[in-house]
Amino acid sequence: MSATTPRRIWLCADDYGMSPGVNRAIRELIEQKRLNATSVMVVGAAIDRAEIDGLLQAVAGNPNCAIGLHATLTAPFAPLTLHFRPLDGGQFLPLGRLLRASLLRRLDPEIVHAELLAQIAAFRQMFGRAPDYIDGHQHVQLFPQIRDAFLAAVKEAAPNAWVRQCGRSLPLSERLGNPKALLLDTLSDTFRKRAVHEGIAFNTGFAGAYDMVRGRDFADAMTEFLSGLPDGGLVMCHPGYVDEILIGLDNVTHQREREFAYLSSDGFPRLLADSNVTLDRP
């Protein structure tokens, strides 16, 4: 790639289907061509026919935009399969408990595999095709035991889809200041090796992990995310309008509105141009 050729990246809005306000914000950004990917939660609270048709209509006007599956295995959402275990009050385990169970190898990969196949099948039913890519809500696709079930489900039910790895293309000295991102780097190393073994494609680089609960200036965050991201890399984001459904489901609320405000502002395309980055499909 020459010095003047723009880097083509994925800018992916997670959580389509979580709430009507999240959905509306994502659709507006797709229509403005400020996103080129969104990940759909088929177990979300706002994924009826109208929300699906609205997304398809938005993407029809933005041919660079991909639609993926946001595989979900954590509370407060519930499984599609009848026999999924372990559960907590009929819902998936909270993130911390699921991670501990996976690290201690207390999950049943066959049960996880069946749930992931069901979510891929639900996506097919909703959109009439397989997802362009598959990632994981709260990065569950990277967890021990889950990652093998995840890759097996992708290979079986969506063989042309690529998957999200969450490792950064930065020197170690620049990665140590963000413990969450460093954990994702470590988990992604094994995930990438397994994906290569299975012949499944994945994004070249990753950015977007920060403390959304405490929040930060998203313009500064996006500048940092784009710095050093390779061609074919992916930045995740979580834009949305706050509504009662979102408040009842997630502890990340008003930071979503701050992300939306920046991505829809005149400053964002200026940053892309200054960074020599384009949202043309990688």
C-alpha atoms as a PDB file:
ATOM      1  CA  MET A   1       0.000   0.000   0.000  1.00  0.00           C
ATOM      2  CA  SER A   2       1.444   3.399  -0.981  1.00  0.00           C
ATOM      3  CA  ALA A   3       1.808   6.254   1.461  1.00  0.00           C
ATOM      4  CA  THR A   4      -1.123   8.087  -0.142  1.00  0.00           C
ATOM      5  CA  THR A   5      -3.542   5.147  -0.330  1.00  0.00           C
ATOM      6  CA  PRO A   6      -6.168   5.480   2.430  1.00  0.00           C
ATOM      7  CA  ARG A   7      -6.446   2.726   5.004  1.00  0.00           C
ATOM      8  CA  ARG A   8      -9.802   0.975   4.645  1.00  0.00           C
ATOM      9  CA  ILE A   9     -11.242   0.052   8.014  1.00  0.00           C
ATOM     10  CA  TRP A  10     -14.411  -1.333   9.528  1.00  0.00           C
ATOM     11  CA  LEU A  11     -16.268   1.011  11.863  1.00  0.00           C
ATOM     12  CA  CYS A  12     -18.765  -1.309  13.513  1.00  0.00           C
ATOM     13  CA  ALA A  13     -21.664  -0.267  15.739  1.00  0.00           C
ATOM     14  CA  ASP A  14     -22.442  -3.073  18.154  1.00  0.00           C
ATOM     15  CA  ASP A  15     -25.787  -3.913  19.791  1.00  0.00           C
ATOM     16  CA  TYR A  16     -28.365  -3.388  17.049  1.00  0.00           C
ATOM     17  CA  GLY A  17     -31.500  -4.920  18.546  1.00  0.00           C
ATOM     18  CA  MET A  18     -30.761  -3.926  22.148  1.00  0.00           C
ATOM     19  CA  SER A  19     -33.283  -1.073  22.246  1.00  0.00           C
ATOM     20  CA  PRO A  20     -35.234   1.158  19.837  1.00  0.00           C
ATOM     21  CA  GLY A  21     -33.015   4.139  20.679  1.00  0.00           C
ATOM     22  CA  VAL A  22     -29.842   2.207  19.903  1.00  0.00           C
ATOM     23  CA  ASN A  23     -31.348   0.967  16.652  1.00  0.00           C
ATOM     24  CA  ARG A  24     -32.436   4.432  15.517  1.00  0.00           C
ATOM     25  CA  ALA A  25     -29.027   5.957  16.168  1.00  0.00           C
ATOM     26  CA  ILE A  26     -27.257   3.186  14.253  1.00  0.00           C
ATOM     27  CA  ARG A  27     -29.611   3.500  11.280  1.00  0.00           C
ATOM     28  CA  GLU A  28     -29.095   7.268  11.143  1.00  0.00           C
ATOM     29  CA  LEU A  29     -25.313   6.855  11.099  1.00  0.00           C
ATOM     30  CA  ILE A  30     -25.511   4.211   8.380  1.00  0.00           C
ATOM     31  CA  GLU A  31     -27.675   6.546   6.297  1.00  0.00           C
ATOM     32  CA  GLN A  32     -25.087   9.310   6.831  1.00  0.00           C
ATOM     33  CA  LYS A  33     -22.355   6.835   5.756  1.00  0.00           C
ATOM     34  CA  ARG A  34     -20.608   7.271   9.094  1.00  0.00           C
ATOM     35  CA  LEU A  35     -20.597   3.486   9.732  1.00  0.00           C
ATOM     36  CA  ASN A  36     -19.867   0.537   7.485  1.00  0.00           C
ATOM     37  CA  ALA A  37     -20.899  -2.332   9.771  1.00  0.00           C
ATOM     38  CA  THR A  38     -23.373  -3.124  12.508  1.00  0.00           C
ATOM     39  CA  SER A  39     -23.748  -6.247  14.644  1.00  0.00           C
ATOM     40  CA  VAL A  40     -27.268  -7.521  15.347  1.00  0.00           C
ATOM     41  CA  MET A  41     -28.376  -9.118  18.630  1.00  0.00           C
ATOM     42  CA  VAL A  42     -31.013 -11.651  17.596  1.00  0.00           C
ATOM     43  CA  VAL A  43     -31.879 -12.152  21.293  1.00  0.00           C
ATOM     44  CA  GLY A  44     -32.266  -8.412  21.858  1.00  0.00           C
ATOM     45  CA  ALA A  45     -35.328  -6.617  23.150  1.00  0.00           C
ATOM     46  CA  ALA A  46     -35.893  -4.599  19.942  1.00  0.00           C
ATOM     47  CA  ILE A  47     -35.518  -6.891  16.964  1.00  0.00           C
ATOM     48  CA  ASP A  48     -39.003  -7.129  15.470  1.00  0.00           C
ATOM     49  CA  ARG A  49     -39.892  -6.999  11.770  1.00  0.00           C
ATOM     50  CA  ALA A  50     -40.049  -3.197  11.663  1.00  0.00           C
ATOM     51  CA  GLU A  51     -36.562  -2.847  13.179  1.00  0.00           C
ATOM     52  CA  ILE A  52     -35.158  -5.407  10.734  1.00  0.00           C
ATOM     53  CA  ASP A  53     -36.777  -3.730   7.720  1.00  0.00           C
ATOM     54  CA  GLY A  54     -35.533  -0.345   8.918  1.00  0.00           C
ATOM     55  CA  LEU A  55     -31.962  -1.631   9.043  1.00  0.00           C
ATOM     56  CA  LEU A  56     -32.217  -3.222   5.598  1.00  0.00           C
ATOM     57  CA  GLN A  57     -33.542   0.041   4.192  1.00  0.00           C
ATOM     58  CA  ALA A  58     -30.662   2.013   5.732  1.00  0.00           C
ATOM     59  CA  VAL A  59     -28.072  -0.433   4.394  1.00  0.00           C
ATOM     60  CA  ALA A  60     -29.632  -0.334   0.917  1.00  0.00           C
ATOM     61  CA  GLY A  61     -28.461   3.267   0.691  1.00  0.00           C
ATOM     62  CA  ASN A  62     -24.960   2.466   1.948  1.00  0.00           C
ATOM     63  CA  PRO A  63     -23.498  -0.407  -0.092  1.00  0.00           C
ATOM     64  CA  ASN A  64     -20.296  -0.385   1.966  1.00  0.00           C
ATOM     65  CA  CYS A  65     -22.206  -1.395   5.095  1.00  0.00           C
ATOM     66  CA  ALA A  66     -22.072  -4.995   6.322  1.00  0.00           C
ATOM     67  CA  ILE A  67     -24.538  -6.643   8.691  1.00  0.00           C
ATOM     68  CA  GLY A  68     -23.178  -9.130  11.192  1.00  0.00           C
ATOM     69  CA  LEU A  69     -24.376 -11.273  14.061  1.00  0.00           C
ATOM     70  CA  HIS A  70     -23.595 -10.102  17.592  1.00  0.00           C
ATOM     71  CA  ALA A  71     -23.499 -13.527  19.262  1.00  0.00           C
ATOM     72  CA  THR A  72     -24.814 -13.064  22.795  1.00  0.00           C
ATOM     73  CA  LEU A  73     -24.170 -15.355  25.778  1.00  0.00           C
ATOM     74  CA  THR A  74     -24.378 -12.988  28.766  1.00  0.00           C
ATOM     75  CA  ALA A  75     -27.127 -11.547  30.978  1.00  0.00           C
ATOM     76  CA  PRO A  76     -29.585  -9.861  30.932  1.00  0.00           C
ATOM     77  CA  PHE A  77     -30.402 -11.758  27.745  1.00  0.00           C
ATOM     78  CA  ALA A  78     -31.864 -15.249  27.474  1.00  0.00           C
ATOM     79  CA  PRO A  79     -30.951 -18.178  25.202  1.00  0.00           C
ATOM     80  CA  LEU A  80     -32.882 -19.342  22.177  1.00  0.00           C
ATOM     81  CA  THR A  81     -32.235 -23.009  22.948  1.00  0.00           C
ATOM     82  CA  LEU A  82     -34.309 -24.798  25.554  1.00  0.00           C
ATOM     83  CA  HIS A  83     -31.522 -26.744  27.264  1.00  0.00           C
ATOM     84  CA  PHE A  84     -28.827 -24.064  27.524  1.00  0.00           C
ATOM     85  CA  ARG A  85     -26.879 -24.204  30.796  1.00  0.00           C
ATOM     86  CA  PRO A  86     -25.703 -22.664  33.065  1.00  0.00           C
ATOM     87  CA  LEU A  87     -28.392 -20.025  33.554  1.00  0.00           C
ATOM     88  CA  ASP A  88     -29.187 -17.466  36.226  1.00  0.00           C
ATOM     89  CA  GLY A  89     -32.935 -16.994  36.657  1.00  0.00           C
ATOM     90  CA  GLY A  90     -33.642 -18.021  33.077  1.00  0.00           C
ATOM     91  CA  GLN A  91     -30.982 -15.682  31.678  1.00  0.00           C
ATOM     92  CA  PHE A  92     -27.381 -16.213  30.612  1.00  0.00           C
ATOM     93  CA  LEU A  93     -24.751 -15.768  33.320  1.00  0.00           C
ATOM     94  CA  PRO A  94     -23.400 -12.254  33.953  1.00  0.00           C
ATOM     95  CA  LEU A  95     -20.122 -11.524  32.179  1.00  0.00           C
ATOM     96  CA  GLY A  96     -17.798 -12.104  35.149  1.00  0.00           C
ATOM     97  CA  ARG A  97     -19.340 -15.441  36.055  1.00  0.00           C
ATOM     98  CA  LEU A  98     -19.275 -16.626  32.448  1.00  0.00           C
ATOM     99  CA  LEU A  99     -15.603 -15.728  32.103  1.00  0.00           C
ATOM    100  CA  ARG A 100     -14.743 -17.561  35.337  1.00  0.00           C
ATOM    101  CA  ALA A 101     -16.717 -20.622  34.251  1.00  0.00           C
ATOM    102  CA  SER A 102     -14.898 -20.687  30.918  1.00  0.00           C
ATOM    103  CA  LEU A 103     -11.467 -20.272  32.510  1.00  0.00           C
ATOM    104  CA  LEU A 104     -12.253 -23.118  34.920  1.00  0.00           C
ATOM    105  CA  ARG A 105     -13.589 -25.190  31.990  1.00  0.00           C
ATOM    106  CA  ARG A 106     -17.010 -25.630  33.549  1.00  0.00           C
ATOM    107  CA  LEU A 107     -18.968 -24.991  30.342  1.00  0.00           C
ATOM    108  CA  ASP A 108     -20.333 -27.607  27.969  1.00  0.00           C
ATOM    109  CA  PRO A 109     -19.025 -26.658  24.489  1.00  0.00           C
ATOM    110  CA  GLU A 110     -21.752 -28.702  22.784  1.00  0.00           C
ATOM    111  CA  ILE A 111     -24.462 -26.679  24.551  1.00  0.00           C
ATOM    112  CA  VAL A 112     -22.707 -23.422  23.611  1.00  0.00           C
ATOM    113  CA  HIS A 113     -22.315 -24.632  20.023  1.00  0.00           C
ATOM    114  CA  ALA A 114     -26.037 -25.415  19.773  1.00  0.00           C
ATOM    115  CA  GLU A 115     -26.983 -21.942  21.038  1.00  0.00           C
ATOM    116  CA  LEU A 116     -24.661 -20.258  18.557  1.00  0.00           C
ATOM    117  CA  LEU A 117     -26.103 -22.320  15.706  1.00  0.00           C
ATOM    118  CA  ALA A 118     -29.584 -21.234  16.823  1.00  0.00           C
ATOM    119  CA  GLN A 119     -28.559 -17.571  16.780  1.00  0.00           C
ATOM    120  CA  ILE A 120     -27.071 -17.908  13.293  1.00  0.00           C
ATOM    121  CA  ALA A 121     -30.280 -19.613  12.139  1.00  0.00           C
ATOM    122  CA  ALA A 122     -32.369 -16.805  13.663  1.00  0.00           C
ATOM    123  CA  PHE A 123     -30.279 -14.241  11.773  1.00  0.00           C
ATOM    124  CA  ARG A 124     -30.871 -16.156   8.537  1.00  0.00           C
ATOM    125  CA  GLN A 125     -34.605 -16.167   9.178  1.00  0.00           C
ATOM    126  CA  MET A 126     -34.651 -12.444   9.920  1.00  0.00           C
ATOM    127  CA  PHE A 127     -32.459 -11.256   7.043  1.00  0.00           C
ATOM    128  CA  GLY A 128     -32.858 -14.005   4.462  1.00  0.00           C
ATOM    129  CA  ARG A 129     -29.138 -14.765   4.371  1.00  0.00           C
ATOM    130  CA  ALA A 130     -26.145 -15.570   6.518  1.00  0.00           C
ATOM    131  CA  PRO A 131     -24.361 -12.756   8.389  1.00  0.00           C
ATOM    132  CA  ASP A 132     -21.440 -11.042   6.675  1.00  0.00           C
ATOM    133  CA  TYR A 133     -19.408 -11.522   9.848  1.00  0.00           C
ATOM    134  CA  ILE A 134     -19.905 -12.758  13.404  1.00  0.00           C
ATOM    135  CA  ASP A 135     -18.602 -11.245  16.620  1.00  0.00           C
ATOM    136  CA  GLY A 136     -19.506 -11.562  20.289  1.00  0.00           C
ATOM    137  CA  HIS A 137     -21.329  -9.328  22.751  1.00  0.00           C
ATOM    138  CA  GLN A 138     -18.858  -8.458  25.515  1.00  0.00           C
ATOM    139  CA  HIS A 139     -16.196 -10.361  23.514  1.00  0.00           C
ATOM    140  CA  VAL A 140     -17.458 -13.799  24.565  1.00  0.00           C
ATOM    141  CA  GLN A 141     -16.171 -15.320  21.315  1.00  0.00           C
ATOM    142  CA  LEU A 142     -12.642 -15.081  22.742  1.00  0.00           C
ATOM    143  CA  PHE A 143     -13.265 -17.013  25.961  1.00  0.00           C
ATOM    144  CA  PRO A 144     -11.825 -20.507  26.530  1.00  0.00           C
ATOM    145  CA  GLN A 145     -14.248 -23.290  25.592  1.00  0.00           C
ATOM    146  CA  ILE A 146     -16.545 -20.749  23.909  1.00  0.00           C
ATOM    147  CA  ARG A 147     -14.036 -19.881  21.187  1.00  0.00           C
ATOM    148  CA  ASP A 148     -13.871 -23.416  19.804  1.00  0.00           C
ATOM    149  CA  ALA A 149     -17.665 -23.758  19.861  1.00  0.00           C
ATOM    150  CA  PHE A 150     -17.941 -20.337  18.223  1.00  0.00           C
ATOM    151  CA  LEU A 151     -15.514 -21.102  15.396  1.00  0.00           C
ATOM    152  CA  ALA A 152     -17.120 -24.497  14.807  1.00  0.00           C
ATOM    153  CA  ALA A 153     -20.560 -22.879  14.518  1.00  0.00           C
ATOM    154  CA  VAL A 154     -19.265 -20.254  12.081  1.00  0.00           C
ATOM    155  CA  LYS A 155     -17.564 -22.875   9.919  1.00  0.00           C
ATOM    156  CA  GLU A 156     -20.689 -25.030   9.899  1.00  0.00           C
ATOM    157  CA  ALA A 157     -23.459 -22.462   9.456  1.00  0.00           C
ATOM    158  CA  ALA A 158     -21.805 -19.330   7.994  1.00  0.00           C
ATOM    159  CA  PRO A 159     -18.631 -20.504   6.237  1.00  0.00           C
ATOM    160  CA  ASN A 160     -18.184 -17.299   4.233  1.00  0.00           C
ATOM    161  CA  ALA A 161     -18.394 -15.024   7.275  1.00  0.00           C
ATOM    162  CA  TRP A 162     -15.348 -13.461   8.886  1.00  0.00           C
ATOM    163  CA  VAL A 163     -14.999 -13.142  12.650  1.00  0.00           C
ATOM    164  CA  ARG A 164     -13.818 -10.450  15.034  1.00  0.00           C
ATOM    165  CA  GLN A 165     -10.518 -10.779  16.824  1.00  0.00           C
ATOM    166  CA  CYS A 166      -9.731  -8.079  19.380  1.00  0.00           C
ATOM    167  CA  GLY A 167      -5.942  -7.891  19.417  1.00  0.00           C
ATOM    168  CA  ARG A 168      -4.291  -4.525  18.852  1.00  0.00           C
ATOM    169  CA  SER A 169      -1.448  -3.785  16.458  1.00  0.00           C
ATOM    170  CA  LEU A 170       0.609  -1.856  19.004  1.00  0.00           C
ATOM    171  CA  PRO A 171       3.980  -2.363  20.724  1.00  0.00           C
ATOM    172  CA  LEU A 172       3.692  -3.906  24.193  1.00  0.00           C
ATOM    173  CA  SER A 173       4.844  -0.669  25.830  1.00  0.00           C
ATOM    174  CA  GLU A 174       1.799   1.109  24.374  1.00  0.00           C
ATOM    175  CA  ARG A 175      -0.639  -1.622  25.411  1.00  0.00           C
ATOM    176  CA  LEU A 176       0.106  -1.812  29.129  1.00  0.00           C
ATOM    177  CA  GLY A 177      -1.947   1.219  30.143  1.00  0.00           C
ATOM    178  CA  ASN A 178      -5.337  -0.324  29.341  1.00  0.00           C
ATOM    179  CA  PRO A 179      -5.951  -3.535  31.356  1.00  0.00           C
ATOM    180  CA  LYS A 180      -9.197  -4.407  29.540  1.00  0.00           C
ATOM    181  CA  ALA A 181      -7.592  -4.054  26.126  1.00  0.00           C
ATOM    182  CA  LEU A 182      -4.537  -6.011  27.286  1.00  0.00           C
ATOM    183  CA  LEU A 183      -6.803  -8.900  28.340  1.00  0.00           C
ATOM    184  CA  LEU A 184      -8.442  -8.810  24.908  1.00  0.00           C
ATOM    185  CA  ASP A 185      -4.981  -8.882  23.295  1.00  0.00           C
ATOM    186  CA  THR A 186      -4.093 -12.014  25.260  1.00  0.00           C
ATOM    187  CA  LEU A 187      -7.342 -13.852  24.547  1.00  0.00           C
ATOM    188  CA  SER A 188      -7.203 -12.860  20.877  1.00  0.00           C
ATOM    189  CA  ASP A 189      -3.796 -14.446  20.363  1.00  0.00           C
ATOM    190  CA  THR A 190      -5.202 -17.948  20.850  1.00  0.00           C
ATOM    191  CA  PHE A 191      -8.421 -17.043  19.019  1.00  0.00           C
ATOM    192  CA  ARG A 192      -6.504 -15.963  15.904  1.00  0.00           C
ATOM    193  CA  LYS A 193      -4.437 -19.157  15.892  1.00  0.00           C
ATOM    194  CA  ARG A 194      -7.612 -21.278  16.101  1.00  0.00           C
ATOM    195  CA  ALA A 195      -9.268 -19.238  13.342  1.00  0.00           C
ATOM    196  CA  VAL A 196      -6.255 -19.702  11.061  1.00  0.00           C
ATOM    197  CA  HIS A 197      -6.361 -23.437  11.727  1.00  0.00           C
ATOM    198  CA  GLU A 198     -10.050 -23.524  10.781  1.00  0.00           C
ATOM    199  CA  GLY A 199      -9.528 -21.383   7.674  1.00  0.00           C
ATOM    200  CA  ILE A 200     -11.749 -18.555   8.977  1.00  0.00           C
ATOM    201  CA  ALA A 201     -10.906 -14.950   8.101  1.00  0.00           C
ATOM    202  CA  PHE A 202     -10.692 -12.165  10.682  1.00  0.00           C
ATOM    203  CA  ASN A 203      -9.962  -8.433  10.904  1.00  0.00           C
ATOM    204  CA  THR A 204      -6.307  -7.434  10.808  1.00  0.00           C
ATOM    205  CA  GLY A 205      -6.381  -5.105  13.801  1.00  0.00           C
ATOM    206  CA  PHE A 206      -8.741  -3.857  16.482  1.00  0.00           C
ATOM    207  CA  ALA A 207      -9.519  -0.739  18.502  1.00  0.00           C
ATOM    208  CA  GLY A 208     -12.408   0.666  20.502  1.00  0.00           C
ATOM    209  CA  ALA A 209     -11.954  -0.747  24.011  1.00  0.00           C
ATOM    210  CA  TYR A 210     -12.221   1.902  26.726  1.00  0.00           C
ATOM    211  CA  ASP A 211     -14.130   2.515  29.954  1.00  0.00           C
ATOM    212  CA  MET A 212     -17.567   3.429  28.618  1.00  0.00           C
ATOM    213  CA  VAL A 213     -19.141   3.565  32.081  1.00  0.00           C
ATOM    214  CA  ARG A 214     -16.841   6.341  33.261  1.00  0.00           C
ATOM    215  CA  GLY A 215     -16.783   7.794  29.773  1.00  0.00           C
ATOM    216  CA  ARG A 216     -14.228  10.003  28.036  1.00  0.00           C
ATOM    217  CA  ASP A 217     -14.118  12.515  25.205  1.00  0.00           C
ATOM    218  CA  PHE A 218     -14.959  10.370  22.201  1.00  0.00           C
ATOM    219  CA  ALA A 219     -13.179  12.624  19.706  1.00  0.00           C
ATOM    220  CA  ASP A 220      -9.919  11.993  21.579  1.00  0.00           C
ATOM    221  CA  ALA A 221     -10.722   8.299  21.854  1.00  0.00           C
ATOM    222  CA  MET A 222     -11.390   7.952  18.124  1.00  0.00           C
ATOM    223  CA  THR A 223      -8.166   9.764  17.287  1.00  0.00           C
ATOM    224  CA  GLU A 224      -6.333   7.249  19.451  1.00  0.00           C
ATOM    225  CA  PHE A 225      -8.207   4.294  17.914  1.00  0.00           C
ATOM    226  CA  LEU A 226      -7.273   5.269  14.360  1.00  0.00           C
ATOM    227  CA  SER A 227      -3.606   5.811  15.166  1.00  0.00           C
ATOM    228  CA  GLY A 228      -1.676   2.816  13.891  1.00  0.00           C
ATOM    229  CA  LEU A 229      -4.769   0.781  12.943  1.00  0.00           C
ATOM    230  CA  PRO A 230      -3.813  -1.268   9.868  1.00  0.00           C
ATOM    231  CA  ASP A 231      -5.709  -1.550   6.616  1.00  0.00           C
ATOM    232  CA  GLY A 232      -8.548  -3.980   7.244  1.00  0.00           C
ATOM    233  CA  GLY A 233      -8.637  -3.164  10.950  1.00  0.00           C
ATOM    234  CA  LEU A 234     -11.832  -2.704  12.944  1.00  0.00           C
ATOM    235  CA  VAL A 235     -13.004  -0.078  15.403  1.00  0.00           C
ATOM    236  CA  MET A 236     -16.014  -1.019  17.516  1.00  0.00           C
ATOM    237  CA  CYS A 237     -18.383   1.666  18.755  1.00  0.00           C
ATOM    238  CA  HIS A 238     -21.677   1.812  20.648  1.00  0.00           C
ATOM    239  CA  PRO A 239     -23.776   4.795  19.519  1.00  0.00           C
ATOM    240  CA  GLY A 240     -27.361   5.114  20.668  1.00  0.00           C
ATOM    241  CA  TYR A 241     -30.163   7.238  22.018  1.00  0.00           C
ATOM    242  CA  VAL A 242     -31.037   6.565  25.640  1.00  0.00           C
ATOM    243  CA  ASP A 243     -34.502   5.080  26.221  1.00  0.00           C
ATOM    244  CA  GLU A 244     -36.164   3.181  29.032  1.00  0.00           C
ATOM    245  CA  ILE A 245     -35.423  -0.209  27.491  1.00  0.00           C
ATOM    246  CA  LEU A 246     -31.706   0.591  27.270  1.00  0.00           C
ATOM    247  CA  ILE A 247     -31.643   1.811  30.879  1.00  0.00           C
ATOM    248  CA  GLY A 248     -33.232  -1.454  31.983  1.00  0.00           C
ATOM    249  CA  LEU A 249     -30.720  -3.598  30.111  1.00  0.00           C
ATOM    250  CA  ASP A 250     -27.327  -1.918  30.209  1.00  0.00           C
ATOM    251  CA  ASN A 251     -25.202   0.297  32.427  1.00  0.00           C
ATOM    252  CA  VAL A 252     -23.754   2.117  29.408  1.00  0.00           C
ATOM    253  CA  THR A 253     -26.270   4.811  28.525  1.00  0.00           C
ATOM    254  CA  HIS A 254     -25.325   8.455  28.007  1.00  0.00           C
ATOM    255  CA  GLN A 255     -21.873   7.648  26.650  1.00  0.00           C
ATOM    256  CA  ARG A 256     -23.722   6.105  23.708  1.00  0.00           C
ATOM    257  CA  GLU A 257     -25.265   9.503  22.978  1.00  0.00           C
ATOM    258  CA  ARG A 258     -21.831  11.122  23.173  1.00  0.00           C
ATOM    259  CA  GLU A 259     -20.489   8.603  20.648  1.00  0.00           C
ATOM    260  CA  PHE A 260     -23.443   9.266  18.355  1.00  0.00           C
ATOM    261  CA  ALA A 261     -22.975  13.034  18.611  1.00  0.00           C
ATOM    262  CA  TYR A 262     -19.328  12.808  17.562  1.00  0.00           C
ATOM    263  CA  LEU A 263     -19.842  10.299  14.757  1.00  0.00           C
ATOM    264  CA  SER A 264     -22.617  12.445  13.263  1.00  0.00           C
ATOM    265  CA  SER A 265     -20.597  15.673  13.613  1.00  0.00           C
ATOM    266  CA  ASP A 266     -18.513  17.455  10.988  1.00  0.00           C
ATOM    267  CA  GLY A 267     -15.423  16.660  13.043  1.00  0.00           C
ATOM    268  CA  PHE A 268     -15.528  12.936  12.352  1.00  0.00           C
ATOM    269  CA  PRO A 269     -15.096  13.035   8.543  1.00  0.00           C
ATOM    270  CA  ARG A 270     -12.314  15.584   9.068  1.00  0.00           C
ATOM    271  CA  LEU A 271     -10.567  13.138  11.387  1.00  0.00           C
ATOM    272  CA  LEU A 272     -10.903  10.349   8.811  1.00  0.00           C
ATOM    273  CA  ALA A 273      -9.378  12.575   6.129  1.00  0.00           C
ATOM    274  CA  ASP A 274      -6.580  13.778   8.408  1.00  0.00           C
ATOM    275  CA  SER A 275      -5.846  10.160   9.388  1.00  0.00           C
ATOM    276  CA  ASN A 276      -5.891   8.965   5.753  1.00  0.00           C
ATOM    277  CA  VAL A 277      -8.673   6.519   6.590  1.00  0.00           C
ATOM    278  CA  THR A 278     -11.765   5.594   4.583  1.00  0.00           C
ATOM    279  CA  LEU A 279     -14.922   3.633   5.393  1.00  0.00           C
ATOM    280  CA  ASP A 280     -14.912   1.998   1.966  1.00  0.00           C
ATOM    281  CA  ARG A 281     -15.491  -1.715   2.536  1.00  0.00           C
ATOM    282  CA  PRO A 282     -12.134  -3.408   3.298  1.00  0.00           C
END
